Amino acid sequence: MELIPAAATLKPTPAAKRMIAEQLYVRGRHFIAAAILLHQHDGDENVVVHLLCQGFELVLKGLLLARDFDKYQPHPRGI
């Protein structure tokens, strides 16, 4: 008898999909806020740019998932 992992058969509900998208969006905003604060306190510009890029990436991923979660699926370890 072959055992199938529970995660292989479970699908996120629409509410869970919305929460995942919102979490990515909020995390991206936090990265951007950290970049702004670091810039205001004369932080290293390379770190500021890295935080901005990371923030924009997560914000955009969150927006794509909010638009059509099933088309733009997150990486299994993404959250």
N, C-alpha and C. Protein backbone atom coordinates (compact mmCIF):
# COMPACT_ATOMS: atom_id res chain seq x y z
N MET A 1 0.85 -1.18 0.00
CA MET A 1 0.00 0.00 0.00
C MET A 1 0.89 1.24 0.00
N GLU A 2 0.63 2.15 -0.93
CA GLU A 2 1.41 3.38 -1.05
C GLU A 2 0.75 4.49 -0.23
N LEU A 3 1.55 5.15 0.58
CA LEU A 3 1.04 6.26 1.38
C LEU A 3 1.27 7.57 0.64
N ILE A 4 0.25 8.41 0.59
CA ILE A 4 0.34 9.71 -0.05
C ILE A 4 0.42 10.77 1.04
N PRO A 5 1.43 11.63 1.01
CA PRO A 5 1.52 12.67 2.02
C PRO A 5 0.29 13.56 2.00
N ALA A 6 -0.14 14.00 3.18
CA ALA A 6 -1.33 14.83 3.28
C ALA A 6 -1.18 16.12 2.50
N ALA A 7 0.01 16.69 2.48
CA ALA A 7 0.23 17.96 1.77
C ALA A 7 0.01 17.81 0.27
N ALA A 8 0.15 16.62 -0.26
CA ALA A 8 -0.01 16.40 -1.70
C ALA A 8 -1.47 16.49 -2.11
N THR A 9 -2.39 16.30 -1.19
CA THR A 9 -3.80 16.29 -1.54
C THR A 9 -4.53 17.54 -1.08
N LEU A 10 -3.92 18.35 -0.25
CA LEU A 10 -4.59 19.54 0.26
C LEU A 10 -4.40 20.73 -0.68
N LYS A 11 -5.45 21.48 -0.87
CA LYS A 11 -5.41 22.69 -1.69
C LYS A 11 -5.81 23.87 -0.80
N PRO A 12 -5.13 25.01 -0.96
CA PRO A 12 -5.50 26.17 -0.15
C PRO A 12 -6.87 26.70 -0.54
N THR A 13 -7.60 27.16 0.45
CA THR A 13 -8.91 27.76 0.21
C THR A 13 -8.71 29.16 -0.36
N PRO A 14 -9.75 29.76 -0.92
CA PRO A 14 -9.62 31.14 -1.42
C PRO A 14 -9.16 32.11 -0.33
N ALA A 15 -9.62 31.91 0.90
CA ALA A 15 -9.19 32.78 2.00
C ALA A 15 -7.70 32.59 2.29
N ALA A 16 -7.23 31.35 2.25
CA ALA A 16 -5.81 31.08 2.49
C ALA A 16 -4.96 31.67 1.37
N LYS A 17 -5.44 31.58 0.13
CA LYS A 17 -4.71 32.16 -1.00
C LYS A 17 -4.58 33.68 -0.83
N ARG A 18 -5.66 34.30 -0.39
CA ARG A 18 -5.66 35.74 -0.17
C ARG A 18 -4.69 36.12 0.94
N MET A 19 -4.66 35.31 2.00
CA MET A 19 -3.74 35.57 3.11
C MET A 19 -2.28 35.43 2.68
N ILE A 20 -1.98 34.44 1.88
CA ILE A 20 -0.61 34.24 1.40
C ILE A 20 -0.18 35.45 0.57
N ALA A 21 -1.05 35.90 -0.33
CA ALA A 21 -0.74 37.06 -1.16
C ALA A 21 -0.53 38.30 -0.30
N GLU A 22 -1.40 38.50 0.69
CA GLU A 22 -1.28 39.66 1.57
C GLU A 22 0.01 39.61 2.39
N GLN A 23 0.39 38.43 2.85
CA GLN A 23 1.62 38.30 3.64
C GLN A 23 2.84 38.67 2.80
N LEU A 24 2.90 38.23 1.55
CA LEU A 24 4.02 38.60 0.69
C LEU A 24 4.05 40.10 0.44
N TYR A 25 2.88 40.69 0.21
CA TYR A 25 2.79 42.12 -0.03
C TYR A 25 3.26 42.92 1.19
N VAL A 26 2.80 42.54 2.36
CA VAL A 26 3.19 43.24 3.59
C VAL A 26 4.68 43.06 3.86
N ARG A 27 5.20 41.86 3.66
CA ARG A 27 6.63 41.62 3.88
C ARG A 27 7.45 42.50 2.93
N GLY A 28 7.00 42.65 1.69
CA GLY A 28 7.68 43.52 0.74
C GLY A 28 7.67 44.97 1.19
N ARG A 29 6.54 45.42 1.71
CA ARG A 29 6.47 46.80 2.22
C ARG A 29 7.42 47.00 3.39
N HIS A 30 7.58 45.98 4.20
CA HIS A 30 8.51 46.09 5.33
C HIS A 30 9.96 46.20 4.85
N PHE A 31 10.32 45.47 3.81
CA PHE A 31 11.66 45.59 3.24
C PHE A 31 11.89 47.01 2.71
N ILE A 32 10.89 47.55 2.04
CA ILE A 32 11.01 48.90 1.49
C ILE A 32 11.13 49.92 2.62
N ALA A 33 10.34 49.76 3.67
CA ALA A 33 10.42 50.67 4.82
C ALA A 33 11.79 50.59 5.48
N ALA A 34 12.35 49.38 5.58
CA ALA A 34 13.68 49.22 6.16
C ALA A 34 14.72 49.93 5.29
N ALA A 35 14.57 49.85 3.98
CA ALA A 35 15.51 50.53 3.08
C ALA A 35 15.43 52.04 3.26
N ILE A 36 14.23 52.56 3.40
CA ILE A 36 14.06 54.00 3.58
C ILE A 36 14.69 54.44 4.90
N LEU A 37 14.43 53.71 5.96
CA LEU A 37 15.01 54.06 7.27
C LEU A 37 16.53 53.99 7.23
N LEU A 38 17.06 52.96 6.61
CA LEU A 38 18.50 52.82 6.53
C LEU A 38 19.12 53.96 5.72
N HIS A 39 18.45 54.34 4.64
CA HIS A 39 18.94 55.45 3.82
C HIS A 39 18.93 56.76 4.61
N GLN A 40 17.87 56.98 5.39
CA GLN A 40 17.78 58.19 6.20
C GLN A 40 18.87 58.27 7.26
N HIS A 41 19.40 57.13 7.67
CA HIS A 41 20.43 57.09 8.71
C HIS A 41 21.80 56.77 8.12
N ASP A 42 21.98 57.16 6.84
CA ASP A 42 23.27 57.02 6.16
C ASP A 42 23.81 55.60 6.16
N GLY A 43 22.93 54.65 5.88
CA GLY A 43 23.37 53.25 5.77
C GLY A 43 24.08 53.01 4.46
N ASP A 44 24.70 51.89 4.36
CA ASP A 44 25.42 51.49 3.15
C ASP A 44 24.45 51.44 1.97
N GLU A 45 24.79 52.14 0.88
CA GLU A 45 23.91 52.21 -0.28
C GLU A 45 23.66 50.85 -0.91
N ASN A 46 24.64 49.96 -0.88
CA ASN A 46 24.44 48.61 -1.45
C ASN A 46 23.36 47.87 -0.69
N VAL A 47 23.34 48.03 0.62
CA VAL A 47 22.32 47.36 1.44
C VAL A 47 20.96 47.99 1.17
N VAL A 48 20.92 49.31 1.04
CA VAL A 48 19.67 50.01 0.75
C VAL A 48 19.08 49.52 -0.57
N VAL A 49 19.91 49.44 -1.59
CA VAL A 49 19.44 48.98 -2.91
C VAL A 49 18.98 47.52 -2.83
N HIS A 50 19.71 46.70 -2.10
CA HIS A 50 19.32 45.30 -1.95
C HIS A 50 17.94 45.20 -1.27
N LEU A 51 17.74 45.95 -0.21
CA LEU A 51 16.45 45.92 0.48
C LEU A 51 15.32 46.42 -0.41
N LEU A 52 15.59 47.47 -1.18
CA LEU A 52 14.57 47.98 -2.10
C LEU A 52 14.19 46.92 -3.14
N CYS A 53 15.19 46.30 -3.73
CA CYS A 53 14.91 45.28 -4.75
C CYS A 53 14.14 44.10 -4.16
N GLN A 54 14.54 43.67 -2.98
CA GLN A 54 13.84 42.57 -2.31
C GLN A 54 12.40 42.97 -2.02
N GLY A 55 12.22 44.20 -1.57
CA GLY A 55 10.87 44.69 -1.27
C GLY A 55 10.00 44.75 -2.50
N PHE A 56 10.53 45.31 -3.59
CA PHE A 56 9.75 45.40 -4.82
C PHE A 56 9.39 44.01 -5.34
N GLU A 57 10.32 43.08 -5.24
CA GLU A 57 10.05 41.72 -5.70
C GLU A 57 8.89 41.10 -4.93
N LEU A 58 8.91 41.23 -3.61
CA LEU A 58 7.85 40.63 -2.81
C LEU A 58 6.51 41.34 -3.00
N VAL A 59 6.53 42.66 -3.13
CA VAL A 59 5.29 43.39 -3.38
C VAL A 59 4.68 42.94 -4.70
N LEU A 60 5.49 42.83 -5.73
CA LEU A 60 4.97 42.42 -7.03
C LEU A 60 4.47 40.97 -7.00
N LYS A 61 5.19 40.10 -6.31
CA LYS A 61 4.72 38.71 -6.19
C LYS A 61 3.38 38.65 -5.47
N GLY A 62 3.25 39.44 -4.41
CA GLY A 62 1.99 39.48 -3.68
C GLY A 62 0.84 39.96 -4.55
N LEU A 63 1.11 41.00 -5.37
CA LEU A 63 0.07 41.51 -6.26
C LEU A 63 -0.30 40.49 -7.33
N LEU A 64 0.69 39.79 -7.88
CA LEU A 64 0.38 38.75 -8.88
C LEU A 64 -0.44 37.63 -8.27
N LEU A 65 -0.09 37.20 -7.07
CA LEU A 65 -0.84 36.14 -6.42
C LEU A 65 -2.26 36.58 -6.08
N ALA A 66 -2.41 37.84 -5.70
CA ALA A 66 -3.75 38.36 -5.40
C ALA A 66 -4.62 38.39 -6.66
N ARG A 67 -3.97 38.65 -7.77
CA ARG A 67 -4.71 38.73 -9.04
C ARG A 67 -5.16 37.35 -9.51
N ASP A 68 -4.26 36.38 -9.53
CA ASP A 68 -4.59 35.03 -10.00
C ASP A 68 -3.64 34.04 -9.35
N PHE A 69 -4.01 33.56 -8.19
CA PHE A 69 -3.15 32.70 -7.39
C PHE A 69 -2.78 31.42 -8.12
N ASP A 70 -3.75 30.85 -8.83
CA ASP A 70 -3.52 29.55 -9.48
C ASP A 70 -2.59 29.67 -10.69
N LYS A 71 -2.55 30.83 -11.32
CA LYS A 71 -1.64 31.02 -12.45
C LYS A 71 -0.21 31.28 -11.97
N TYR A 72 -0.07 32.08 -10.91
CA TYR A 72 1.25 32.44 -10.39
C TYR A 72 1.43 31.81 -9.02
N GLN A 73 1.73 30.53 -8.98
CA GLN A 73 1.85 29.83 -7.71
C GLN A 73 3.17 30.16 -7.03
N PRO A 74 3.12 30.33 -5.69
CA PRO A 74 4.35 30.62 -4.96
C PRO A 74 5.22 29.36 -4.85
N HIS A 75 6.49 29.59 -4.61
CA HIS A 75 7.40 28.49 -4.39
C HIS A 75 6.98 27.77 -3.11
N PRO A 76 7.06 26.44 -3.05
CA PRO A 76 6.59 25.71 -1.85
C PRO A 76 7.23 26.19 -0.55
N ARG A 77 8.47 26.67 -0.58
CA ARG A 77 9.11 27.15 0.63
C ARG A 77 9.11 28.67 0.69
N GLY A 78 8.26 29.33 -0.09
CA GLY A 78 8.30 30.77 -0.24
C GLY A 78 7.86 31.58 0.96
N ILE A 79 7.12 30.97 1.86
CA ILE A 79 6.60 31.76 2.98
C ILE A 79 7.10 31.23 4.30
